[in-house]
N, C-alpha and C. Protein backbone atom coordinates (compact mmCIF):
# COMPACT_ATOMS: atom_id res chain seq x y z
N MET A 1 99.41 -17.38 35.61
CA MET A 1 99.58 -18.14 34.57
C MET A 1 100.76 -18.28 34.02
N LYS A 2 102.07 -18.59 33.55
CA LYS A 2 103.03 -18.84 33.91
C LYS A 2 103.83 -18.38 32.72
N ARG A 3 104.90 -18.29 32.39
CA ARG A 3 105.41 -17.14 31.43
C ARG A 3 105.66 -17.65 30.64
N GLU A 4 105.22 -19.05 30.25
CA GLU A 4 105.81 -19.69 28.85
C GLU A 4 104.22 -19.50 28.47
N GLU A 5 102.85 -20.23 29.03
CA GLU A 5 101.78 -19.48 29.31
C GLU A 5 101.55 -18.06 28.35
N LYS A 6 102.02 -17.12 28.69
CA LYS A 6 102.06 -16.06 28.60
C LYS A 6 102.68 -15.44 27.09
N LEU A 7 103.93 -16.37 26.72
CA LEU A 7 104.72 -15.85 26.02
C LEU A 7 104.06 -16.83 24.45
N GLN A 8 103.10 -17.90 24.92
CA GLN A 8 101.96 -18.80 24.07
C GLN A 8 100.74 -17.44 23.05
N VAL A 9 100.48 -17.12 24.81
CA VAL A 9 99.50 -15.97 24.27
C VAL A 9 99.70 -15.31 23.22
N ILE A 10 100.69 -14.37 23.70
CA ILE A 10 101.73 -13.08 22.97
C ILE A 10 101.92 -13.23 21.67
N GLU A 11 102.56 -14.47 21.16
CA GLU A 11 102.73 -15.39 20.29
C GLU A 11 101.72 -15.39 19.12
N SER A 12 100.75 -15.78 19.83
CA SER A 12 98.73 -16.06 19.04
C SER A 12 98.63 -14.90 18.57
N LEU A 13 98.87 -13.79 19.52
CA LEU A 13 97.71 -12.57 19.40
C LEU A 13 98.92 -11.92 18.21
N VAL A 14 100.25 -11.99 18.38
CA VAL A 14 100.81 -11.65 17.02
C VAL A 14 100.47 -12.11 16.06
N GLU A 15 100.33 -13.63 16.03
CA GLU A 15 100.08 -13.74 14.69
C GLU A 15 98.52 -13.51 14.27
N LYS A 16 97.85 -13.07 14.92
CA LYS A 16 96.23 -12.81 14.31
C LYS A 16 96.39 -11.32 14.15
N PHE A 17 96.86 -10.81 14.94
CA PHE A 17 97.09 -9.15 14.33
C PHE A 17 98.15 -8.88 12.83
N SER A 18 99.00 -10.11 12.70
CA SER A 18 99.58 -10.12 11.84
C SER A 18 98.69 -10.59 10.30
N THR A 19 97.68 -11.18 10.92
CA THR A 19 97.10 -11.93 9.51
C THR A 19 95.54 -11.82 9.72
N PHE A 20 95.23 -11.14 10.49
CA PHE A 20 93.67 -10.01 10.36
C PHE A 20 93.87 -9.20 9.82
N ASP A 21 92.83 -8.51 8.81
CA ASP A 21 92.66 -7.10 8.87
C ASP A 21 92.66 -5.83 9.36
N CYS A 22 91.56 -6.68 10.09
CA CYS A 22 90.73 -5.65 11.18
C CYS A 22 90.49 -6.13 12.24
N PHE A 23 90.53 -5.56 13.62
CA PHE A 23 90.08 -6.06 14.66
C PHE A 23 89.18 -5.04 15.71
N TYR A 24 88.58 -5.40 16.58
CA TYR A 24 87.93 -4.11 17.65
C TYR A 24 88.00 -4.98 18.85
N VAL A 25 88.51 -4.07 20.02
CA VAL A 25 88.55 -4.17 21.41
C VAL A 25 87.47 -4.23 21.40
N VAL A 26 86.74 -4.52 22.91
CA VAL A 26 85.57 -4.88 22.89
C VAL A 26 85.72 -4.75 25.04
N ASP A 27 84.65 -4.09 25.59
CA ASP A 27 84.76 -4.49 27.12
C ASP A 27 83.00 -5.20 27.73
N ALA A 28 83.67 -6.40 27.19
CA ALA A 28 81.94 -7.62 27.84
C ALA A 28 82.17 -7.46 29.89
N MET A 29 82.30 -6.80 30.43
CA MET A 29 82.36 -6.95 31.78
C MET A 29 81.32 -6.72 32.17
N GLY A 30 80.92 -7.46 33.37
CA GLY A 30 79.22 -7.20 33.38
C GLY A 30 78.42 -8.22 32.67
N LEU A 31 78.65 -9.23 31.11
CA LEU A 31 77.91 -9.87 30.95
C LEU A 31 77.59 -10.62 31.77
N THR A 32 76.31 -11.71 31.75
CA THR A 32 76.25 -13.17 32.52
C THR A 32 76.60 -14.13 31.71
N VAL A 33 76.82 -15.10 32.20
CA VAL A 33 77.51 -16.57 31.05
C VAL A 33 76.59 -16.53 29.83
N GLU A 34 75.31 -16.85 29.77
CA GLU A 34 74.71 -17.01 28.79
C GLU A 34 74.71 -16.03 28.06
N GLN A 35 74.65 -14.63 28.38
CA GLN A 35 74.76 -13.54 27.78
C GLN A 35 76.17 -13.32 26.65
N VAL A 36 77.45 -14.12 27.44
CA VAL A 36 78.75 -14.27 26.52
C VAL A 36 78.26 -15.45 25.97
N ASN A 37 77.51 -16.68 26.57
CA ASN A 37 77.76 -17.69 25.65
C ASN A 37 76.86 -17.33 24.03
N LYS A 38 75.91 -16.26 24.08
CA LYS A 38 75.35 -15.76 22.56
C LYS A 38 76.38 -15.16 21.94
N PHE A 39 77.14 -13.78 23.09
CA PHE A 39 77.97 -13.53 22.05
C PHE A 39 78.78 -14.44 21.61
N ARG A 40 79.37 -15.12 22.17
CA ARG A 40 80.18 -16.14 21.26
C ARG A 40 80.03 -16.85 19.86
N LYS A 41 78.50 -17.58 20.26
CA LYS A 41 77.50 -17.45 19.36
C LYS A 41 77.40 -16.39 17.70
N SER A 42 77.50 -15.58 18.64
CA SER A 42 76.49 -14.60 16.96
C SER A 42 78.22 -14.17 16.60
N CYS A 43 79.50 -13.73 17.63
CA CYS A 43 81.00 -14.19 16.71
C CYS A 43 80.72 -15.28 15.15
N ALA A 44 80.72 -16.45 15.95
CA ALA A 44 80.96 -17.34 15.42
C ALA A 44 80.12 -17.75 14.09
N ALA A 45 78.95 -17.13 14.03
CA ALA A 45 78.05 -16.81 13.27
C ALA A 45 78.64 -16.10 11.61
N GLN A 46 79.15 -15.13 12.62
CA GLN A 46 80.20 -14.68 11.48
C GLN A 46 81.38 -14.49 10.98
N ASN A 47 81.77 -15.63 11.21
CA ASN A 47 83.39 -15.73 11.35
C ASN A 47 84.36 -14.82 11.57
N ILE A 48 83.99 -14.39 12.89
CA ILE A 48 84.60 -13.30 13.82
C ILE A 48 85.02 -14.58 14.89
N VAL A 49 86.65 -13.76 15.32
CA VAL A 49 87.29 -14.70 16.23
C VAL A 49 87.16 -13.95 17.35
N TYR A 50 86.60 -14.49 18.55
CA TYR A 50 86.41 -13.50 19.66
C TYR A 50 87.25 -13.96 20.47
N GLN A 51 88.54 -13.33 21.38
CA GLN A 51 89.28 -13.74 22.05
C GLN A 51 89.75 -13.05 23.61
N ILE A 52 89.69 -13.72 24.33
CA ILE A 52 90.07 -12.40 25.77
C ILE A 52 91.10 -12.84 26.47
N ALA A 53 92.38 -12.01 26.49
CA ALA A 53 93.41 -11.60 27.08
C ALA A 53 93.49 -10.61 27.58
N LYS A 54 94.69 -10.68 28.81
CA LYS A 54 94.73 -9.80 29.97
C LYS A 54 95.71 -8.24 29.17
N ASN A 55 95.47 -7.39 29.71
CA ASN A 55 95.54 -5.96 28.92
C ASN A 55 97.26 -5.94 28.81
N THR A 56 97.80 -6.64 29.81
CA THR A 56 99.63 -6.43 29.18
C THR A 56 99.85 -6.78 27.97
N LEU A 57 99.38 -8.07 27.97
CA LEU A 57 99.80 -9.51 27.05
C LEU A 57 98.99 -8.78 25.51
N ILE A 58 97.80 -8.47 25.63
CA ILE A 58 98.08 -7.29 24.01
C ILE A 58 98.71 -6.86 23.82
N GLN A 59 99.15 -5.90 25.36
CA GLN A 59 99.59 -4.34 24.62
C GLN A 59 101.16 -5.13 24.23
N LYS A 60 101.82 -5.78 24.50
CA LYS A 60 102.86 -6.49 24.10
C LYS A 60 102.83 -7.21 22.77
N ALA A 61 101.45 -7.69 22.61
CA ALA A 61 101.33 -8.38 21.31
C ALA A 61 101.18 -7.52 19.80
N LEU A 62 100.39 -5.96 20.21
CA LEU A 62 100.61 -5.42 19.49
C LEU A 62 101.72 -4.31 19.57
N GLU A 63 102.60 -3.98 20.25
CA GLU A 63 103.86 -4.09 20.01
C GLU A 63 104.72 -4.83 19.29
N ARG A 64 104.86 -6.02 19.44
CA ARG A 64 105.48 -7.01 18.46
C ARG A 64 105.15 -6.63 16.87
N SER A 65 103.52 -7.30 16.96
CA SER A 65 103.58 -6.81 15.81
C SER A 65 103.59 -5.86 14.68
N GLU A 66 104.26 -5.90 13.34
CA GLU A 66 104.59 -5.13 12.53
C GLU A 66 103.46 -4.61 12.12
N LYS A 67 101.68 -5.08 11.97
CA LYS A 67 101.31 -4.06 11.39
C LYS A 67 100.63 -2.92 12.49
N CYS A 68 100.86 -3.22 13.49
CA CYS A 68 100.51 -2.44 14.95
C CYS A 68 101.37 -1.59 15.12
N VAL A 69 102.59 -1.98 15.49
CA VAL A 69 103.63 -1.45 16.27
C VAL A 69 103.13 0.20 16.16
N ALA A 70 102.46 0.78 15.24
CA ALA A 70 102.74 2.12 14.95
C ALA A 70 101.41 2.69 15.72
N HIS A 71 100.27 1.65 16.49
CA HIS A 71 99.32 2.28 16.89
C HIS A 71 99.44 1.43 18.39
N ALA A 72 100.74 0.89 18.34
CA ALA A 72 100.44 0.62 20.68
C ALA A 72 100.45 1.45 20.77
N ALA A 73 100.76 2.68 21.13
CA ALA A 73 100.98 3.37 22.45
C ALA A 73 99.23 3.68 21.94
N SER A 74 98.73 4.07 20.76
CA SER A 74 97.42 4.86 21.23
C SER A 74 96.12 3.51 22.16
N PHE A 75 96.66 2.50 21.68
CA PHE A 75 95.72 1.48 22.82
C PHE A 75 95.95 1.35 23.90
N SER A 76 97.39 2.40 24.63
CA SER A 76 97.18 1.85 25.99
C SER A 76 96.56 2.41 26.48
N SER A 77 95.94 3.66 25.94
CA SER A 77 94.77 4.24 27.12
C SER A 77 93.56 4.07 26.89
N VAL A 78 93.24 2.70 26.01
CA VAL A 78 91.96 1.77 26.21
C VAL A 78 92.05 0.23 26.48
N LEU A 79 93.27 -0.02 26.89
CA LEU A 79 93.76 -1.19 27.47
C LEU A 79 93.26 -1.41 28.84
N LYS A 80 92.38 -1.23 29.21
CA LYS A 80 92.18 -0.85 31.09
C LYS A 80 90.95 -1.71 31.24
N GLY A 81 90.63 -2.27 32.66
CA GLY A 81 89.21 -3.43 32.94
C GLY A 81 89.64 -4.33 32.18
N PHE A 82 88.28 -4.66 31.85
CA PHE A 82 88.33 -6.33 31.17
C PHE A 82 88.55 -5.66 28.87
N SER A 83 89.03 -6.51 28.86
CA SER A 83 89.40 -6.62 27.19
C SER A 83 89.20 -8.12 26.50
N GLY A 84 88.33 -7.53 25.12
CA GLY A 84 87.92 -8.92 24.45
C GLY A 84 88.37 -8.33 22.77
N ILE A 85 88.79 -9.02 22.16
CA ILE A 85 89.37 -8.55 20.73
C ILE A 85 88.15 -9.79 19.88
N LEU A 86 87.58 -8.90 19.33
CA LEU A 86 86.92 -9.96 17.76
C LEU A 86 88.06 -9.49 16.44
N PHE A 87 88.47 -10.40 15.73
CA PHE A 87 89.22 -10.60 14.75
C PHE A 87 88.13 -10.66 13.20
N SER A 88 88.86 -10.46 12.30
CA SER A 88 87.50 -10.42 11.74
C SER A 88 88.19 -10.31 9.75
N HIS A 89 88.46 -11.13 8.83
CA HIS A 89 89.09 -11.10 7.79
C HIS A 89 87.81 -10.54 6.63
N ASP A 90 86.62 -10.64 6.82
CA ASP A 90 85.92 -10.26 5.80
C ASP A 90 85.81 -8.98 5.58
N SER A 91 85.71 -8.26 5.92
CA SER A 91 85.39 -6.74 6.29
C SER A 91 85.34 -6.00 7.06
N GLY A 92 85.66 -4.90 7.54
CA GLY A 92 85.97 -4.41 8.64
C GLY A 92 84.36 -3.43 9.36
N ARG A 93 83.45 -3.97 8.70
CA ARG A 93 82.71 -3.50 9.00
C ARG A 93 81.60 -4.80 10.10
N ALA A 94 82.09 -5.77 9.66
CA ALA A 94 81.85 -7.21 10.12
C ALA A 94 81.77 -7.14 11.76
N PRO A 95 82.27 -7.11 12.01
CA PRO A 95 82.56 -6.41 13.70
C PRO A 95 81.49 -5.62 14.11
N GLY A 96 81.85 -4.80 13.75
CA GLY A 96 80.81 -3.49 14.30
C GLY A 96 79.23 -3.88 13.90
N LYS A 97 78.88 -4.03 12.48
CA LYS A 97 77.55 -5.37 12.26
C LYS A 97 77.17 -5.67 13.40
N MET A 98 77.46 -6.98 13.95
CA MET A 98 77.25 -7.39 15.07
C MET A 98 77.75 -7.03 15.74
N LEU A 99 78.15 -6.64 16.33
CA LEU A 99 78.50 -6.19 17.66
C LEU A 99 76.99 -4.94 17.91
N LYS A 100 77.36 -3.89 17.03
CA LYS A 100 75.46 -3.41 17.08
C LYS A 100 74.23 -4.16 16.67
N ALA A 101 74.31 -5.09 16.06
CA ALA A 101 72.75 -6.28 16.15
C ALA A 101 72.64 -6.80 17.66
N PHE A 102 74.01 -7.40 17.93
CA PHE A 102 74.08 -8.01 18.85
C PHE A 102 73.32 -7.02 20.53
N LEU A 103 73.90 -5.89 20.17
CA LEU A 103 72.95 -4.98 21.27
C LEU A 103 71.84 -4.24 21.41
N GLU A 104 71.31 -4.65 19.97
CA GLU A 104 70.16 -4.34 20.03
C GLU A 104 68.89 -5.50 20.17
N ALA A 105 69.69 -6.40 19.50
CA ALA A 105 68.80 -7.95 19.44
C ALA A 105 68.68 -8.38 20.78
N GLU A 106 69.43 -7.95 22.03
CA GLU A 106 69.42 -8.91 23.91
C GLU A 106 69.44 -7.62 24.12
N ARG A 107 69.25 -5.83 23.65
CA ARG A 107 68.82 -4.93 24.77
C ARG A 107 69.62 -4.56 25.77
N LEU A 108 70.70 -4.96 25.40
CA LEU A 108 72.17 -4.08 26.40
C LEU A 108 72.73 -3.28 25.68
N SER A 109 73.83 -2.86 26.67
CA SER A 109 74.57 -1.87 26.57
C SER A 109 76.80 -2.51 26.49
N LEU A 110 75.67 -3.92 26.63
CA LEU A 110 77.85 -4.47 27.03
C LEU A 110 77.16 -5.43 25.99
N PRO A 111 78.22 -5.01 25.21
CA PRO A 111 79.69 -5.08 25.14
C PRO A 111 80.15 -3.68 24.75
N VAL A 112 80.75 -2.89 25.11
CA VAL A 112 80.59 -1.71 24.53
C VAL A 112 82.28 -1.74 23.86
N LEU A 113 82.61 -1.00 22.66
CA LEU A 113 83.64 -0.66 21.80
C LEU A 113 84.46 0.12 22.75
N LYS A 114 85.93 -0.27 22.41
CA LYS A 114 87.05 0.19 23.51
C LYS A 114 87.87 1.26 21.81
N ALA A 115 88.01 -0.04 20.89
CA ALA A 115 88.96 0.24 20.25
C ALA A 115 89.12 -0.02 19.22
N ALA A 116 89.23 0.58 17.68
CA ALA A 116 88.74 -0.84 16.87
C ALA A 116 89.84 -0.20 15.45
N ALA A 117 90.59 -1.45 14.95
CA ALA A 117 91.99 -0.81 13.88
C ALA A 117 91.51 -1.45 12.20
N ILE A 118 91.62 -0.82 11.67
CA ILE A 118 90.82 -1.31 9.91
C ILE A 118 91.67 -0.72 9.37
N HIS A 119 92.22 -1.75 8.79
CA HIS A 119 93.18 -1.94 7.85
C HIS A 119 94.26 -0.55 7.67
N GLY A 120 94.87 -0.06 8.87
CA GLY A 120 95.83 0.28 9.79
C GLY A 120 95.25 1.65 9.96
N ASP A 121 93.96 1.78 10.08
CA ASP A 121 93.42 3.28 10.69
C ASP A 121 92.60 2.46 12.60
N LEU A 122 92.76 3.49 12.58
CA LEU A 122 92.19 3.17 14.57
C LEU A 122 90.82 4.50 14.67
N PHE A 123 90.01 3.81 14.75
CA PHE A 123 89.45 4.75 15.94
C PHE A 123 89.12 4.13 17.33
N ILE A 124 89.18 4.81 17.87
CA ILE A 124 88.96 4.68 19.49
C ILE A 124 87.41 5.54 19.81
N GLY A 125 86.79 4.95 20.90
CA GLY A 125 85.68 4.84 21.21
C GLY A 125 84.27 4.55 21.21
N ALA A 126 83.91 4.43 21.69
CA ALA A 126 81.89 3.56 21.55
C ALA A 126 81.36 4.32 20.56
N ALA A 127 81.65 5.94 20.52
CA ALA A 127 81.18 7.12 19.67
C ALA A 127 81.28 6.72 17.81
N HIS A 128 82.53 5.45 18.11
CA HIS A 128 82.96 5.10 16.50
C HIS A 128 81.51 3.81 16.02
N LEU A 129 81.18 3.16 16.27
CA LEU A 129 80.08 2.05 16.87
C LEU A 129 78.83 2.53 15.14
N ASP A 130 78.39 2.82 15.64
CA ASP A 130 77.51 3.60 14.14
C ASP A 130 78.09 3.64 12.65
N ALA A 131 79.45 4.46 12.97
CA ALA A 131 79.63 4.31 11.44
C ALA A 131 80.06 3.36 11.11
N LEU A 132 81.31 2.77 12.20
CA LEU A 132 82.10 1.19 11.71
C LEU A 132 81.13 0.55 11.58
N SER A 133 79.61 -0.02 11.69
CA SER A 133 78.87 -1.03 11.44
C SER A 133 78.25 -0.51 9.59
N ASN A 134 78.42 0.93 9.56
CA ASN A 134 78.06 1.04 8.26
C ASN A 134 79.00 1.11 7.30
N LEU A 135 80.22 0.75 7.68
CA LEU A 135 80.81 1.41 6.25
C LEU A 135 80.93 0.40 5.10
N LYS A 136 81.03 0.67 4.08
CA LYS A 136 80.69 -0.65 2.39
C LYS A 136 82.50 -1.44 3.06
N SER A 137 82.18 -2.03 2.42
CA SER A 137 83.46 -2.96 2.14
C SER A 137 83.36 -2.75 0.90
N LYS A 138 85.16 -3.50 0.91
CA LYS A 138 85.80 -2.86 -0.44
C LYS A 138 84.89 -3.27 -2.30
N GLU A 139 84.90 -4.35 -2.06
CA GLU A 139 83.83 -4.95 -3.05
C GLU A 139 82.49 -4.43 -2.96
N GLU A 140 82.11 -4.03 -2.50
CA GLU A 140 80.39 -2.40 -2.17
C GLU A 140 80.97 -1.43 -2.97
N ILE A 141 82.48 -0.97 -2.51
CA ILE A 141 83.09 0.50 -3.11
C ILE A 141 82.98 0.35 -4.45
N LEU A 142 84.03 -0.49 -4.78
CA LEU A 142 83.97 -0.98 -6.43
C LEU A 142 83.12 -1.35 -7.50
N GLY A 143 81.90 -1.79 -6.65
CA GLY A 143 80.67 -1.81 -7.82
C GLY A 143 79.94 -0.70 -7.60
N ASP A 144 79.89 0.70 -6.51
CA ASP A 144 79.44 1.74 -6.69
C ASP A 144 80.52 2.41 -7.80
N ILE A 145 81.70 2.30 -7.77
CA ILE A 145 82.62 3.07 -9.25
C ILE A 145 81.86 2.33 -10.20
N MET A 146 82.30 0.99 -10.10
CA MET A 146 81.68 0.94 -11.51
C MET A 146 80.23 1.09 -12.06
N MET A 147 79.11 0.88 -11.42
CA MET A 147 77.94 1.76 -11.45
C MET A 147 78.16 3.21 -12.31
N LEU A 148 79.09 4.39 -11.75
CA LEU A 148 79.48 5.66 -11.64
C LEU A 148 80.17 5.69 -13.10
N LEU A 149 80.89 5.17 -13.31
CA LEU A 149 81.34 4.71 -14.72
C LEU A 149 80.53 4.35 -15.91
N LYS A 150 79.77 3.21 -15.29
CA LYS A 150 78.51 2.44 -16.55
C LYS A 150 77.88 3.47 -16.94
N ALA A 151 77.37 4.78 -16.07
CA ALA A 151 76.00 4.78 -16.38
C ALA A 151 76.12 6.20 -17.74
N PRO A 152 77.30 6.59 -17.47
CA PRO A 152 77.08 7.87 -18.81
C PRO A 152 77.79 6.90 -20.36
N ILE A 153 78.09 5.83 -20.18
CA ILE A 153 78.20 4.89 -21.51
C ILE A 153 76.53 4.54 -21.90
N LEU A 154 75.88 4.06 -20.44
CA LEU A 154 74.25 3.44 -21.12
C LEU A 154 73.65 4.85 -21.54
N ASN A 155 73.96 5.41 -21.09
CA ASN A 155 72.92 6.97 -21.48
C ASN A 155 74.01 7.34 -22.53
N VAL A 156 74.79 7.48 -23.33
CA VAL A 156 75.15 7.64 -24.53
C VAL A 156 74.69 6.73 -25.30
N VAL A 157 74.52 5.38 -24.82
CA VAL A 157 73.82 4.25 -26.04
C VAL A 157 72.50 4.42 -26.11
N ALA A 158 72.19 4.72 -25.12
CA ALA A 158 70.43 5.10 -25.07
C ALA A 158 70.38 6.20 -25.82
N ALA A 159 70.88 7.23 -26.03
CA ALA A 159 70.47 8.15 -26.31
C ALA A 159 70.38 8.02 -27.90
N ILE A 160 72.11 6.97 -28.73
CA ILE A 160 72.06 6.59 -29.80
C ILE A 160 70.91 5.86 -30.40
N GLN A 161 70.43 5.27 -29.61
CA GLN A 161 69.62 3.62 -29.47
C GLN A 161 68.03 4.94 -30.00
N SER A 162 67.22 5.92 -29.35
CA SER A 162 66.18 6.65 -29.97
C SER A 162 66.58 7.16 -30.59
N GLY A 163 68.11 7.96 -31.02
CA GLY A 163 67.83 9.20 -32.29
C GLY A 163 67.51 8.04 -33.31
N GLY A 164 68.36 6.52 -33.44
CA GLY A 164 67.80 5.69 -34.89
C GLY A 164 66.65 5.94 -34.66
N LYS A 165 65.98 5.11 -33.36
CA LYS A 165 64.25 4.95 -33.41
C LYS A 165 63.54 5.92 -34.23
N ARG A 166 63.72 7.57 -33.85
CA ARG A 166 63.16 8.68 -34.66
C ARG A 166 63.42 8.34 -35.57
N LEU A 167 64.35 8.27 -36.68
CA LEU A 167 64.76 8.48 -37.76
C LEU A 167 64.54 7.20 -37.85
N MET A 168 64.23 6.30 -37.84
CA MET A 168 62.81 5.13 -38.50
C MET A 168 61.71 6.03 -39.02
N GLY A 169 61.51 6.39 -37.67
CA GLY A 169 59.84 6.84 -37.82
C GLY A 169 59.55 7.69 -38.36
N VAL A 170 60.77 8.78 -38.69
CA VAL A 170 60.47 9.87 -40.28
C VAL A 170 60.68 8.64 -41.29
N VAL A 171 61.67 7.99 -41.88
CA VAL A 171 61.55 7.31 -42.54
C VAL A 171 60.26 6.47 -42.89
N GLU A 172 59.88 5.58 -42.03
CA GLU A 172 58.11 5.37 -42.15
C GLU A 172 57.34 6.22 -42.45
N THR A 173 57.48 7.41 -42.09
CA THR A 173 56.42 8.26 -42.31
C THR A 173 56.76 9.09 -43.26
N LEU A 174 58.06 8.95 -44.14
CA LEU A 174 58.10 9.40 -45.22
C LEU A 174 57.22 8.68 -46.21
N ALA A 175 58.00 7.13 -45.93
CA ALA A 175 57.45 6.16 -46.96
C ALA A 175 55.90 5.73 -47.06
N SER A 176 55.01 6.58 -45.82
CA SER A 176 53.97 5.23 -46.13
C SER A 176 53.20 6.82 -47.34
N ALA A 177 53.71 8.24 -47.07
CA ALA A 177 52.98 9.54 -47.84
C ALA A 177 53.74 9.57 -48.92
């Protein structure tokens, strides 16, 4: 790979690290061509961008990216061997959920999660895959908070309505007597 090509890859990665809110680094070494094609199709179906790059180019892009420069040193320990990057706009759990579903559907142990960066938080190691795949999106968390805030108000309204019904029952009983 020529120097100009390497610079283009680095600039492309820097742009993606700056644009996307989360990314996962995975090791897919050992997958067959057919399995890689299925994995790429799974990524595309979930609006996840999958890119393979050399570890040194990934490291240089992390160091140049304003969003990732703080975590660049932490990534150096996982950038060994084969590395592919999953980029996602939707939510931090989309790549994890897709990766876990792919592993279960294909009954494979690859690709393996090396690390993930989600909204500035860093998760290193495959042990985090279950937790990352079960993360709630911002919209889901806001919905849960709204339901928690709404519940006491609904209880007050229900109590007022039931009190009014009881009062109407007493008035009707007195009127008929």
